[in-house]
């Protein structure tokens, strides 16, 4: 049974930092990443990383967020710096066994950035 367990969300002032973690179990995931969904908006990709270390970021977070993973622990991290109120959203961990594989989702963790 696949399970993704997230942690690290919270409330932070603009300009602050947070680090999200997501540990996966039940399968091997070549691609792991983070999406976010703000109220009234569609879920959007934040960043993903492959098991080989290739990374991709949304333009809105480039230079501020950094994604990394520990393959031995099946864990992906998202270091978020210089946070803005527009970053406020529920952040969801995503994991896929392959590029064409099905999506697996975490339960979501709230990130709130106050101005």
C-alpha atoms as a PDB file:
ATOM      1  CA  UNK A   1       0.000   0.000   0.000  1.00  0.00           C
ATOM      2  CA  UNK A   2       1.412   3.350  -1.069  1.00  0.00           C
ATOM      3  CA  UNK A   3       1.593   6.023   1.582  1.00  0.00           C
ATOM      4  CA  UNK A   4       3.028   9.534   1.456  1.00  0.00           C
ATOM      5  CA  UNK A   5       3.469  11.317   4.780  1.00  0.00           C
ATOM      6  CA  UNK A   6       4.158  15.041   4.737  1.00  0.00           C
ATOM      7  CA  UNK A   7       5.396  17.374   7.428  1.00  0.00           C
ATOM      8  CA  UNK A   8       6.794  20.871   7.851  1.00  0.00           C
ATOM      9  CA  UNK A   9       4.000  23.262   6.961  1.00  0.00           C
ATOM     10  CA  UNK A  10       2.986  26.178   9.123  1.00  0.00           C
ATOM     11  CA  UNK A  11       2.640  29.929   9.470  1.00  0.00           C
ATOM     12  CA  UNK A  12       5.541  32.209   8.598  1.00  0.00           C
ATOM     13  CA  UNK A  13       6.038  35.889   7.911  1.00  0.00           C
ATOM     14  CA  UNK A  14       6.899  37.132   4.455  1.00  0.00           C
ATOM     15  CA  UNK A  15      10.596  36.713   3.807  1.00  0.00           C
ATOM     16  CA  UNK A  16      10.817  33.708   6.080  1.00  0.00           C
ATOM     17  CA  UNK A  17      11.622  30.079   5.368  1.00  0.00           C
ATOM     18  CA  UNK A  18      10.021  26.676   5.772  1.00  0.00           C
ATOM     19  CA  UNK A  19      11.135  23.150   4.930  1.00  0.00           C
ATOM     20  CA  UNK A  20       8.659  20.504   3.838  1.00  0.00           C
ATOM     21  CA  UNK A  21       9.369  16.780   4.001  1.00  0.00           C
ATOM     22  CA  UNK A  22       7.566  13.836   2.459  1.00  0.00           C
ATOM     23  CA  UNK A  23       8.395  10.198   3.127  1.00  0.00           C
ATOM     24  CA  UNK A  24       7.011   7.576   0.776  1.00  0.00           C
ATOM     25  CA  UNK A  25       6.431   3.911   1.424  1.00  0.00           C
ATOM     26  CA  UNK A  26       4.987   0.980  -0.454  1.00  0.00           C
ATOM     27  CA  UNK A  27       6.790   1.434  -3.754  1.00  0.00           C
ATOM     28  CA  UNK A  28       9.824   2.827  -5.522  1.00  0.00           C
ATOM     29  CA  UNK A  29       9.240   6.258  -7.032  1.00  0.00           C
ATOM     30  CA  UNK A  30      11.400   7.572  -9.822  1.00  0.00           C
ATOM     31  CA  UNK A  31       9.776  10.989  -9.717  1.00  0.00           C
ATOM     32  CA  UNK A  32       8.860  12.862  -6.551  1.00  0.00           C
ATOM     33  CA  UNK A  33       7.677  16.398  -6.232  1.00  0.00           C
ATOM     34  CA  UNK A  34       5.452  19.048  -4.755  1.00  0.00           C
ATOM     35  CA  UNK A  35       2.268  20.680  -5.970  1.00  0.00           C
ATOM     36  CA  UNK A  36       0.246  23.406  -4.317  1.00  0.00           C
ATOM     37  CA  UNK A  37      -3.329  24.598  -4.381  1.00  0.00           C
ATOM     38  CA  UNK A  38      -4.438  28.010  -3.196  1.00  0.00           C
ATOM     39  CA  UNK A  39      -8.095  28.757  -2.411  1.00  0.00           C
ATOM     40  CA  UNK A  40     -10.103  29.143  -5.592  1.00  0.00           C
ATOM     41  CA  UNK A  41      -7.196  28.093  -7.806  1.00  0.00           C
ATOM     42  CA  UNK A  42      -6.156  24.936  -9.592  1.00  0.00           C
ATOM     43  CA  UNK A  43      -3.476  22.671  -8.225  1.00  0.00           C
ATOM     44  CA  UNK A  44      -0.130  23.607  -9.775  1.00  0.00           C
ATOM     45  CA  UNK A  45       3.298  22.059  -9.965  1.00  0.00           C
ATOM     46  CA  UNK A  46       5.900  23.616  -7.683  1.00  0.00           C
ATOM     47  CA  UNK A  47       8.898  21.370  -8.339  1.00  0.00           C
ATOM     48  CA  UNK A  48       9.865  17.783  -9.046  1.00  0.00           C
ATOM     49  CA  UNK A  49      13.036  15.728  -8.882  1.00  0.00           C
ATOM     50  CA  UNK A  50      13.944  12.395 -10.465  1.00  0.00           C
ATOM     51  CA  UNK A  51      15.829   9.587  -8.788  1.00  0.00           C
ATOM     52  CA  UNK A  52      18.819  10.661 -10.872  1.00  0.00           C
ATOM     53  CA  UNK A  53      18.701  14.168  -9.441  1.00  0.00           C
ATOM     54  CA  UNK A  54      17.216  16.081 -12.379  1.00  0.00           C
ATOM     55  CA  UNK A  55      15.076  18.961 -11.133  1.00  0.00           C
ATOM     56  CA  UNK A  56      12.348  21.191 -12.501  1.00  0.00           C
ATOM     57  CA  UNK A  57      10.792  24.277 -10.923  1.00  0.00           C
ATOM     58  CA  UNK A  58       7.815  26.477 -11.583  1.00  0.00           C
ATOM     59  CA  UNK A  59       8.945  29.924 -12.736  1.00  0.00           C
ATOM     60  CA  UNK A  60       7.272  31.505  -9.724  1.00  0.00           C
ATOM     61  CA  UNK A  61       9.579  29.718  -7.260  1.00  0.00           C
ATOM     62  CA  UNK A  62      12.878  29.599  -9.152  1.00  0.00           C
ATOM     63  CA  UNK A  63      15.709  31.020  -7.089  1.00  0.00           C
ATOM     64  CA  UNK A  64      13.681  30.814  -3.862  1.00  0.00           C
ATOM     65  CA  UNK A  65      12.769  27.123  -3.473  1.00  0.00           C
ATOM     66  CA  UNK A  66      15.062  24.113  -3.607  1.00  0.00           C
ATOM     67  CA  UNK A  67      13.964  20.504  -3.983  1.00  0.00           C
ATOM     68  CA  UNK A  68      16.100  17.573  -2.904  1.00  0.00           C
ATOM     69  CA  UNK A  69      15.664  13.900  -2.101  1.00  0.00           C
ATOM     70  CA  UNK A  70      17.224  11.090  -0.144  1.00  0.00           C
ATOM     71  CA  UNK A  71      16.687   7.945  -2.192  1.00  0.00           C
ATOM     72  CA  UNK A  72      17.763   5.684   0.646  1.00  0.00           C
ATOM     73  CA  UNK A  73      14.982   7.133   2.801  1.00  0.00           C
ATOM     74  CA  UNK A  74      12.477   7.524  -0.060  1.00  0.00           C
ATOM     75  CA  UNK A  75      12.062  11.109   1.125  1.00  0.00           C
ATOM     76  CA  UNK A  76      11.742  14.369  -0.774  1.00  0.00           C
ATOM     77  CA  UNK A  77      12.310  17.816   0.694  1.00  0.00           C
ATOM     78  CA  UNK A  78      11.292  21.309  -0.328  1.00  0.00           C
ATOM     79  CA  UNK A  79      13.295  24.158   1.149  1.00  0.00           C
ATOM     80  CA  UNK A  80      11.291  27.345   0.750  1.00  0.00           C
ATOM     81  CA  UNK A  81      13.083  30.660   1.248  1.00  0.00           C
ATOM     82  CA  UNK A  82      12.038  34.278   0.752  1.00  0.00           C
ATOM     83  CA  UNK A  83       8.421  33.255   1.124  1.00  0.00           C
ATOM     84  CA  UNK A  84       5.717  35.565  -0.165  1.00  0.00           C
ATOM     85  CA  UNK A  85       2.006  35.816   0.678  1.00  0.00           C
ATOM     86  CA  UNK A  86       1.316  34.417  -2.817  1.00  0.00           C
ATOM     87  CA  UNK A  87       2.995  31.180  -1.720  1.00  0.00           C
ATOM     88  CA  UNK A  88       0.127  30.554   0.690  1.00  0.00           C
ATOM     89  CA  UNK A  89      -1.495  27.249  -0.259  1.00  0.00           C
ATOM     90  CA  UNK A  90      -1.933  23.628   0.661  1.00  0.00           C
ATOM     91  CA  UNK A  91       1.200  21.826  -0.492  1.00  0.00           C
ATOM     92  CA  UNK A  92       0.846  18.244  -1.704  1.00  0.00           C
ATOM     93  CA  UNK A  93       3.572  15.678  -2.076  1.00  0.00           C
ATOM     94  CA  UNK A  94       3.423  13.713  -5.330  1.00  0.00           C
ATOM     95  CA  UNK A  95       5.213  10.513  -6.282  1.00  0.00           C
ATOM     96  CA  UNK A  96       5.238   8.511  -9.509  1.00  0.00           C
ATOM     97  CA  UNK A  97       6.920   5.184 -10.225  1.00  0.00           C
ATOM     98  CA  UNK A  98       7.815   6.389 -13.717  1.00  0.00           C
ATOM     99  CA  UNK A  99       7.130   9.245 -16.123  1.00  0.00           C
ATOM    100  CA  UNK A 100       4.022   7.444 -17.408  1.00  0.00           C
ATOM    101  CA  UNK A 101       3.080   6.015 -14.032  1.00  0.00           C
ATOM    102  CA  UNK A 102       0.067   6.957 -11.963  1.00  0.00           C
ATOM    103  CA  UNK A 103       0.112   9.771  -9.435  1.00  0.00           C
ATOM    104  CA  UNK A 104       0.245   9.147  -5.718  1.00  0.00           C
ATOM    105  CA  UNK A 105      -0.615  12.006  -3.367  1.00  0.00           C
ATOM    106  CA  UNK A 106       0.018  12.960   0.209  1.00  0.00           C
ATOM    107  CA  UNK A 107      -2.683  14.398   2.433  1.00  0.00           C
ATOM    108  CA  UNK A 108      -1.453  17.968   2.035  1.00  0.00           C
ATOM    109  CA  UNK A 109       0.153  20.408   4.437  1.00  0.00           C
ATOM    110  CA  UNK A 110      -0.886  24.038   4.884  1.00  0.00           C
ATOM    111  CA  UNK A 111       1.629  26.803   4.295  1.00  0.00           C
ATOM    112  CA  UNK A 112       0.510  30.295   5.247  1.00  0.00           C
ATOM    113  CA  UNK A 113       2.671  33.349   4.625  1.00  0.00           C
ATOM    114  CA  UNK A 114       1.591  36.533   6.346  1.00  0.00           C
ATOM    115  CA  UNK A 115       2.434  39.983   5.032  1.00  0.00           C
END
